[in-house]
């Protein structure tokens, strides 16, 4: 099993982190998502740019669906993992049309670029 992040959602987050000279954070709590460490905030205090994993967005996906999917792939604990947006596969995503696939074991996170998924999936 793995999680997919649409490149069209992720690229603005990566670009914001580079512009702010900060890291991106992979977060698992209320969904699974990426955001810039020092990203712009909305008036309500929430981060403006967030890239959710397909199927793990609590704003559009039913709770039991996204919660079960996030738990199955990433375990039960909430976490934040900080990464440099200018290195490795994240830099490739920024300069391509690719999506990002995330898979995990109990000790490692793996990221890989994938051709973009059709918009309706």
C-alpha atoms as a PDB file:
ATOM      1  CA  UNK A   1       0.000   0.000   0.000  1.00  0.00           C
ATOM      2  CA  UNK A   2       1.107   3.574  -0.569  1.00  0.00           C
ATOM      3  CA  UNK A   3      -0.191   7.125  -0.582  1.00  0.00           C
ATOM      4  CA  UNK A   4      -0.190   9.435  -3.597  1.00  0.00           C
ATOM      5  CA  UNK A   5       0.232  13.196  -3.539  1.00  0.00           C
ATOM      6  CA  UNK A   6      -0.783  14.970  -6.725  1.00  0.00           C
ATOM      7  CA  UNK A   7       2.081  16.983  -8.128  1.00  0.00           C
ATOM      8  CA  UNK A   8      -0.321  19.837  -8.940  1.00  0.00           C
ATOM      9  CA  UNK A   9      -1.123  20.104  -5.217  1.00  0.00           C
ATOM     10  CA  UNK A  10       2.429  19.531  -3.980  1.00  0.00           C
ATOM     11  CA  UNK A  11       4.380  21.871  -6.291  1.00  0.00           C
ATOM     12  CA  UNK A  12       2.951  25.104  -4.771  1.00  0.00           C
ATOM     13  CA  UNK A  13       3.893  23.868  -1.274  1.00  0.00           C
ATOM     14  CA  UNK A  14       7.443  23.042  -2.415  1.00  0.00           C
ATOM     15  CA  UNK A  15       7.758  26.410  -4.166  1.00  0.00           C
ATOM     16  CA  UNK A  16       6.553  28.234  -1.044  1.00  0.00           C
ATOM     17  CA  UNK A  17       9.113  26.439   1.134  1.00  0.00           C
ATOM     18  CA  UNK A  18      11.920  27.316  -1.285  1.00  0.00           C
ATOM     19  CA  UNK A  19      10.772  30.962  -1.436  1.00  0.00           C
ATOM     20  CA  UNK A  20      10.663  31.093   2.390  1.00  0.00           C
ATOM     21  CA  UNK A  21      14.014  29.248   2.633  1.00  0.00           C
ATOM     22  CA  UNK A  22      12.535  26.617   4.927  1.00  0.00           C
ATOM     23  CA  UNK A  23      11.826  22.901   4.974  1.00  0.00           C
ATOM     24  CA  UNK A  24       8.631  21.089   4.063  1.00  0.00           C
ATOM     25  CA  UNK A  25       6.901  18.963   6.657  1.00  0.00           C
ATOM     26  CA  UNK A  26       5.163  15.655   5.994  1.00  0.00           C
ATOM     27  CA  UNK A  27       2.426  15.512   8.640  1.00  0.00           C
ATOM     28  CA  UNK A  28       0.149  12.723   9.815  1.00  0.00           C
ATOM     29  CA  UNK A  29      -2.542  13.955  12.179  1.00  0.00           C
ATOM     30  CA  UNK A  30      -5.861  15.234  10.805  1.00  0.00           C
ATOM     31  CA  UNK A  31      -5.119  13.594   7.461  1.00  0.00           C
ATOM     32  CA  UNK A  32      -1.765  13.123   5.729  1.00  0.00           C
ATOM     33  CA  UNK A  33      -0.282  16.194   4.094  1.00  0.00           C
ATOM     34  CA  UNK A  34       2.706  18.370   3.211  1.00  0.00           C
ATOM     35  CA  UNK A  35       3.139  22.017   4.184  1.00  0.00           C
ATOM     36  CA  UNK A  36       5.929  24.585   4.266  1.00  0.00           C
ATOM     37  CA  UNK A  37       7.575  25.027   7.659  1.00  0.00           C
ATOM     38  CA  UNK A  38       7.059  28.812   7.480  1.00  0.00           C
ATOM     39  CA  UNK A  39       4.109  28.948   5.096  1.00  0.00           C
ATOM     40  CA  UNK A  40       1.612  31.763   4.750  1.00  0.00           C
ATOM     41  CA  UNK A  41      -1.346  31.651   7.131  1.00  0.00           C
ATOM     42  CA  UNK A  42      -5.004  32.326   6.472  1.00  0.00           C
ATOM     43  CA  UNK A  43      -6.903  34.765   8.717  1.00  0.00           C
ATOM     44  CA  UNK A  44      -8.158  31.794  10.791  1.00  0.00           C
ATOM     45  CA  UNK A  45      -4.543  30.809  11.561  1.00  0.00           C
ATOM     46  CA  UNK A  46      -4.467  27.674   9.405  1.00  0.00           C
ATOM     47  CA  UNK A  47      -1.789  27.161   6.789  1.00  0.00           C
ATOM     48  CA  UNK A  48      -2.816  28.527   3.387  1.00  0.00           C
ATOM     49  CA  UNK A  49      -1.088  25.933   1.155  1.00  0.00           C
ATOM     50  CA  UNK A  50      -1.477  22.270   2.093  1.00  0.00           C
ATOM     51  CA  UNK A  51      -1.056  19.228  -0.170  1.00  0.00           C
ATOM     52  CA  UNK A  52      -3.102  16.279   1.110  1.00  0.00           C
ATOM     53  CA  UNK A  53      -2.569  12.668   0.115  1.00  0.00           C
ATOM     54  CA  UNK A  54      -5.271  11.358  -2.195  1.00  0.00           C
ATOM     55  CA  UNK A  55      -7.921   9.815   0.051  1.00  0.00           C
ATOM     56  CA  UNK A  56      -6.518  11.364   3.266  1.00  0.00           C
ATOM     57  CA  UNK A  57      -8.082  14.827   3.249  1.00  0.00           C
ATOM     58  CA  UNK A  58     -10.490  15.275   6.168  1.00  0.00           C
ATOM     59  CA  UNK A  59     -12.117  18.212   4.354  1.00  0.00           C
ATOM     60  CA  UNK A  60     -13.405  15.970   1.536  1.00  0.00           C
ATOM     61  CA  UNK A  61     -12.934  12.310   2.516  1.00  0.00           C
ATOM     62  CA  UNK A  62     -15.161  10.518   5.071  1.00  0.00           C
ATOM     63  CA  UNK A  63     -13.465  10.237   8.479  1.00  0.00           C
ATOM     64  CA  UNK A  64     -13.402   6.430   8.620  1.00  0.00           C
ATOM     65  CA  UNK A  65     -11.929   6.248   5.110  1.00  0.00           C
ATOM     66  CA  UNK A  66      -9.023   8.698   5.530  1.00  0.00           C
ATOM     67  CA  UNK A  67      -8.318   7.621   9.115  1.00  0.00           C
ATOM     68  CA  UNK A  68      -8.159   3.909   8.226  1.00  0.00           C
ATOM     69  CA  UNK A  69      -6.020   4.602   5.149  1.00  0.00           C
ATOM     70  CA  UNK A  70      -3.555   6.819   7.059  1.00  0.00           C
ATOM     71  CA  UNK A  71      -3.307   4.300   9.904  1.00  0.00           C
ATOM     72  CA  UNK A  72      -2.795   1.351   7.533  1.00  0.00           C
ATOM     73  CA  UNK A  73       0.039   3.103   5.698  1.00  0.00           C
ATOM     74  CA  UNK A  74       1.722   5.124   8.462  1.00  0.00           C
ATOM     75  CA  UNK A  75       0.683   3.556  11.769  1.00  0.00           C
ATOM     76  CA  UNK A  76      -1.359   4.989  14.602  1.00  0.00           C
ATOM     77  CA  UNK A  77       0.906   7.749  15.906  1.00  0.00           C
ATOM     78  CA  UNK A  78       0.803  11.338  14.678  1.00  0.00           C
ATOM     79  CA  UNK A  79       4.107  12.748  13.421  1.00  0.00           C
ATOM     80  CA  UNK A  80       5.856  15.437  11.427  1.00  0.00           C
ATOM     81  CA  UNK A  81       8.877  14.666   9.248  1.00  0.00           C
ATOM     82  CA  UNK A  82      10.981  17.628   8.027  1.00  0.00           C
ATOM     83  CA  UNK A  83      12.611  17.445   4.579  1.00  0.00           C
ATOM     84  CA  UNK A  84      14.584  19.755   2.311  1.00  0.00           C
ATOM     85  CA  UNK A  85      12.449  20.667  -0.731  1.00  0.00           C
ATOM     86  CA  UNK A  86      15.547  21.268  -2.874  1.00  0.00           C
ATOM     87  CA  UNK A  87      16.893  17.721  -2.620  1.00  0.00           C
ATOM     88  CA  UNK A  88      16.142  14.346  -4.128  1.00  0.00           C
ATOM     89  CA  UNK A  89      12.712  13.372  -5.321  1.00  0.00           C
ATOM     90  CA  UNK A  90      11.091  16.567  -3.996  1.00  0.00           C
ATOM     91  CA  UNK A  91      13.288  18.670  -6.308  1.00  0.00           C
ATOM     92  CA  UNK A  92      12.309  16.364  -9.166  1.00  0.00           C
ATOM     93  CA  UNK A  93       8.599  16.802  -8.389  1.00  0.00           C
ATOM     94  CA  UNK A  94       9.025  20.583  -8.441  1.00  0.00           C
ATOM     95  CA  UNK A  95      10.590  20.490 -11.912  1.00  0.00           C
ATOM     96  CA  UNK A  96       8.236  17.943 -13.498  1.00  0.00           C
ATOM     97  CA  UNK A  97       4.596  17.002 -13.943  1.00  0.00           C
ATOM     98  CA  UNK A  98       5.025  13.924 -11.711  1.00  0.00           C
ATOM     99  CA  UNK A  99       3.050  12.924  -8.634  1.00  0.00           C
ATOM    100  CA  UNK A 100       4.717  11.709  -5.440  1.00  0.00           C
ATOM    101  CA  UNK A 101       4.213   8.259  -3.934  1.00  0.00           C
ATOM    102  CA  UNK A 102       4.861   7.704  -0.240  1.00  0.00           C
ATOM    103  CA  UNK A 103       5.284   4.270   1.271  1.00  0.00           C
ATOM    104  CA  UNK A 104       6.491   3.334   4.724  1.00  0.00           C
ATOM    105  CA  UNK A 105       7.866   0.568   6.872  1.00  0.00           C
ATOM    106  CA  UNK A 106       8.181   0.696  10.652  1.00  0.00           C
ATOM    107  CA  UNK A 107      11.599   2.366  10.245  1.00  0.00           C
ATOM    108  CA  UNK A 108      11.684   4.103   6.836  1.00  0.00           C
ATOM    109  CA  UNK A 109       9.719   6.438   4.619  1.00  0.00           C
ATOM    110  CA  UNK A 110      10.166   5.992   0.875  1.00  0.00           C
ATOM    111  CA  UNK A 111       9.354   8.658  -1.691  1.00  0.00           C
ATOM    112  CA  UNK A 112       9.261   8.171  -5.427  1.00  0.00           C
ATOM    113  CA  UNK A 113       8.079  10.125  -8.429  1.00  0.00           C
ATOM    114  CA  UNK A 114       5.268   8.654 -10.519  1.00  0.00           C
ATOM    115  CA  UNK A 115       3.618   9.780 -13.740  1.00  0.00           C
ATOM    116  CA  UNK A 116       0.594  11.940 -12.887  1.00  0.00           C
ATOM    117  CA  UNK A 117      -2.630  10.087 -12.144  1.00  0.00           C
ATOM    118  CA  UNK A 118      -5.759  10.878 -14.149  1.00  0.00           C
ATOM    119  CA  UNK A 119      -7.620  13.787 -12.560  1.00  0.00           C
ATOM    120  CA  UNK A 120     -10.705  11.733 -11.724  1.00  0.00           C
ATOM    121  CA  UNK A 121      -8.884   9.203  -9.486  1.00  0.00           C
END
